[in-house]
Amino acid sequence: MRNMANNLKYADAMKELEQIVSKLQNPNCDVDELCSLTAKAIELLNFCKAKLTKVDEDLVKLLENIE
């Protein structure tokens, strides 16, 4: 995930997650892809969660400075 964090933007991760969800919802989804798609989705979810947590922490610090 470290390599992903250096190259990926939040919006791109969300777009890729949406594409994966669409594939998983397709009744013609290849059973052999289920595991790899799910693993990639989890990796992207963890990336997004970490990104949101970091932004939240940064915003809290910034807001503390104006009080």
N, C-alpha and C. Protein backbone atom coordinates (compact mmCIF):
# COMPACT_ATOMS: atom_id res chain seq x y z
N MET A 1 0.82 -1.19 0.00
CA MET A 1 0.00 0.00 0.00
C MET A 1 0.86 1.26 0.00
N ARG A 2 2.09 1.19 0.48
CA ARG A 2 2.95 2.37 0.50
C ARG A 2 3.15 2.92 -0.91
N ASN A 3 3.40 2.06 -1.88
CA ASN A 3 3.58 2.49 -3.25
C ASN A 3 2.32 3.15 -3.78
N MET A 4 1.16 2.60 -3.40
CA MET A 4 -0.10 3.16 -3.83
C MET A 4 -0.27 4.57 -3.28
N ALA A 5 0.12 4.80 -2.04
CA ALA A 5 -0.05 6.10 -1.40
C ALA A 5 0.76 7.18 -2.11
N ASN A 6 1.86 6.81 -2.70
CA ASN A 6 2.70 7.79 -3.38
C ASN A 6 2.15 8.20 -4.73
N ASN A 7 1.40 7.34 -5.36
CA ASN A 7 1.00 7.58 -6.74
C ASN A 7 -0.49 7.83 -6.94
N LEU A 8 -1.31 7.53 -5.96
CA LEU A 8 -2.75 7.53 -6.15
C LEU A 8 -3.40 8.71 -5.46
N LYS A 9 -4.37 9.29 -6.11
CA LYS A 9 -5.18 10.35 -5.52
C LYS A 9 -6.49 9.74 -5.01
N TYR A 10 -7.07 10.38 -4.02
CA TYR A 10 -8.31 9.88 -3.41
C TYR A 10 -9.40 9.70 -4.47
N ALA A 11 -9.58 10.70 -5.33
CA ALA A 11 -10.64 10.62 -6.34
C ALA A 11 -10.43 9.45 -7.29
N ASP A 12 -9.18 9.17 -7.63
CA ASP A 12 -8.88 8.04 -8.51
C ASP A 12 -9.16 6.71 -7.82
N ALA A 13 -8.84 6.64 -6.52
CA ALA A 13 -9.12 5.43 -5.76
C ALA A 13 -10.62 5.18 -5.69
N MET A 14 -11.39 6.24 -5.47
CA MET A 14 -12.85 6.09 -5.41
C MET A 14 -13.41 5.65 -6.76
N LYS A 15 -12.88 6.20 -7.82
CA LYS A 15 -13.33 5.82 -9.17
C LYS A 15 -13.05 4.34 -9.42
N GLU A 16 -11.87 3.90 -9.03
CA GLU A 16 -11.52 2.49 -9.22
C GLU A 16 -12.39 1.59 -8.36
N LEU A 17 -12.68 2.03 -7.14
CA LEU A 17 -13.59 1.26 -6.27
C LEU A 17 -14.97 1.12 -6.90
N GLU A 18 -15.46 2.21 -7.47
CA GLU A 18 -16.77 2.17 -8.14
C GLU A 18 -16.76 1.18 -9.30
N GLN A 19 -15.66 1.14 -10.03
CA GLN A 19 -15.55 0.20 -11.15
C GLN A 19 -15.55 -1.24 -10.64
N ILE A 20 -14.85 -1.48 -9.55
CA ILE A 20 -14.80 -2.83 -8.97
C ILE A 20 -16.18 -3.25 -8.49
N VAL A 21 -16.87 -2.35 -7.80
CA VAL A 21 -18.22 -2.66 -7.31
C VAL A 21 -19.14 -2.99 -8.48
N SER A 22 -19.02 -2.22 -9.55
CA SER A 22 -19.84 -2.47 -10.74
C SER A 22 -19.57 -3.87 -11.30
N LYS A 23 -18.28 -4.25 -11.36
CA LYS A 23 -17.93 -5.59 -11.85
C LYS A 23 -18.50 -6.67 -10.94
N LEU A 24 -18.40 -6.44 -9.62
CA LEU A 24 -18.88 -7.44 -8.66
C LEU A 24 -20.40 -7.58 -8.70
N GLN A 25 -21.09 -6.51 -9.04
CA GLN A 25 -22.55 -6.55 -9.10
C GLN A 25 -23.06 -7.16 -10.40
N ASN A 26 -22.19 -7.27 -11.36
CA ASN A 26 -22.57 -7.84 -12.66
C ASN A 26 -22.77 -9.35 -12.49
N PRO A 27 -23.94 -9.86 -12.88
CA PRO A 27 -24.19 -11.30 -12.75
C PRO A 27 -23.23 -12.15 -13.58
N ASN A 28 -22.58 -11.54 -14.55
CA ASN A 28 -21.62 -12.27 -15.39
C ASN A 28 -20.19 -12.15 -14.88
N CYS A 29 -20.02 -11.65 -13.66
CA CYS A 29 -18.68 -11.51 -13.08
C CYS A 29 -18.01 -12.88 -13.01
N ASP A 30 -16.78 -12.92 -13.46
CA ASP A 30 -16.00 -14.15 -13.47
C ASP A 30 -15.67 -14.56 -12.03
N VAL A 31 -16.06 -15.77 -11.69
CA VAL A 31 -15.82 -16.29 -10.34
C VAL A 31 -14.33 -16.26 -10.00
N ASP A 32 -13.49 -16.50 -10.99
CA ASP A 32 -12.06 -16.51 -10.76
C ASP A 32 -11.51 -15.12 -10.40
N GLU A 33 -12.25 -14.07 -10.72
CA GLU A 33 -11.82 -12.71 -10.41
C GLU A 33 -12.30 -12.22 -9.05
N LEU A 34 -13.23 -12.92 -8.45
CA LEU A 34 -13.82 -12.45 -7.20
C LEU A 34 -12.78 -12.16 -6.12
N CYS A 35 -11.86 -13.05 -5.93
CA CYS A 35 -10.85 -12.89 -4.89
C CYS A 35 -9.94 -11.70 -5.18
N SER A 36 -9.45 -11.60 -6.39
CA SER A 36 -8.54 -10.50 -6.72
C SER A 36 -9.25 -9.15 -6.70
N LEU A 37 -10.49 -9.11 -7.17
CA LEU A 37 -11.26 -7.87 -7.12
C LEU A 37 -11.54 -7.44 -5.69
N THR A 38 -11.88 -8.41 -4.86
CA THR A 38 -12.16 -8.11 -3.45
C THR A 38 -10.88 -7.64 -2.75
N ALA A 39 -9.77 -8.27 -3.02
CA ALA A 39 -8.50 -7.87 -2.41
C ALA A 39 -8.12 -6.45 -2.83
N LYS A 40 -8.30 -6.14 -4.10
CA LYS A 40 -7.99 -4.79 -4.59
C LYS A 40 -8.93 -3.77 -3.95
N ALA A 41 -10.20 -4.11 -3.81
CA ALA A 41 -11.16 -3.21 -3.18
C ALA A 41 -10.77 -2.93 -1.74
N ILE A 42 -10.35 -3.95 -1.02
CA ILE A 42 -9.93 -3.77 0.38
C ILE A 42 -8.71 -2.87 0.45
N GLU A 43 -7.78 -3.07 -0.45
CA GLU A 43 -6.57 -2.23 -0.50
C GLU A 43 -6.96 -0.76 -0.75
N LEU A 44 -7.87 -0.54 -1.69
CA LEU A 44 -8.32 0.82 -1.99
C LEU A 44 -9.09 1.43 -0.82
N LEU A 45 -9.92 0.62 -0.17
CA LEU A 45 -10.66 1.12 1.00
C LEU A 45 -9.71 1.54 2.11
N ASN A 46 -8.69 0.75 2.35
CA ASN A 46 -7.71 1.10 3.38
C ASN A 46 -6.98 2.39 3.02
N PHE A 47 -6.64 2.54 1.75
CA PHE A 47 -6.00 3.77 1.28
C PHE A 47 -6.90 4.97 1.53
N CYS A 48 -8.17 4.86 1.14
CA CYS A 48 -9.12 5.96 1.31
C CYS A 48 -9.33 6.30 2.78
N LYS A 49 -9.44 5.28 3.59
CA LYS A 49 -9.63 5.50 5.03
C LYS A 49 -8.42 6.25 5.61
N ALA A 50 -7.22 5.82 5.26
CA ALA A 50 -6.01 6.47 5.75
C ALA A 50 -5.94 7.92 5.28
N LYS A 51 -6.31 8.14 4.03
CA LYS A 51 -6.28 9.49 3.47
C LYS A 51 -7.26 10.40 4.20
N LEU A 52 -8.48 9.91 4.43
CA LEU A 52 -9.49 10.70 5.14
C LEU A 52 -9.09 10.96 6.58
N THR A 53 -8.50 9.98 7.23
CA THR A 53 -8.04 10.15 8.61
C THR A 53 -6.97 11.23 8.68
N LYS A 54 -6.03 11.20 7.73
CA LYS A 54 -4.95 12.19 7.70
C LYS A 54 -5.51 13.59 7.47
N VAL A 55 -6.44 13.73 6.55
CA VAL A 55 -7.04 15.03 6.27
C VAL A 55 -7.79 15.53 7.50
N ASP A 56 -8.52 14.65 8.16
CA ASP A 56 -9.25 15.02 9.36
C ASP A 56 -8.29 15.52 10.45
N GLU A 57 -7.20 14.79 10.66
CA GLU A 57 -6.21 15.20 11.67
C GLU A 57 -5.60 16.55 11.32
N ASP A 58 -5.29 16.75 10.05
CA ASP A 58 -4.71 18.03 9.61
C ASP A 58 -5.69 19.18 9.82
N LEU A 59 -6.96 18.94 9.51
CA LEU A 59 -7.96 19.98 9.69
C LEU A 59 -8.16 20.33 11.16
N VAL A 60 -8.17 19.32 12.01
CA VAL A 60 -8.30 19.57 13.45
C VAL A 60 -7.15 20.44 13.94
N LYS A 61 -5.92 20.14 13.50
CA LYS A 61 -4.76 20.94 13.90
C LYS A 61 -4.89 22.38 13.41
N LEU A 62 -5.32 22.54 12.17
CA LEU A 62 -5.49 23.88 11.63
C LEU A 62 -6.56 24.67 12.40
N LEU A 63 -7.64 24.02 12.70
CA LEU A 63 -8.72 24.70 13.41
C LEU A 63 -8.35 25.04 14.84
N GLU A 64 -7.50 24.22 15.45
CA GLU A 64 -7.03 24.51 16.80
C GLU A 64 -6.22 25.81 16.83
N ASN A 65 -5.56 26.12 15.74
CA ASN A 65 -4.74 27.32 15.67
C ASN A 65 -5.55 28.61 15.58
N ILE A 66 -6.81 28.53 15.19
CA ILE A 66 -7.60 29.75 15.07
C ILE A 66 -8.45 30.03 16.30
N GLU A 67 -8.48 29.10 17.22
CA GLU A 67 -9.28 29.30 18.43
C GLU A 67 -8.55 30.04 19.50
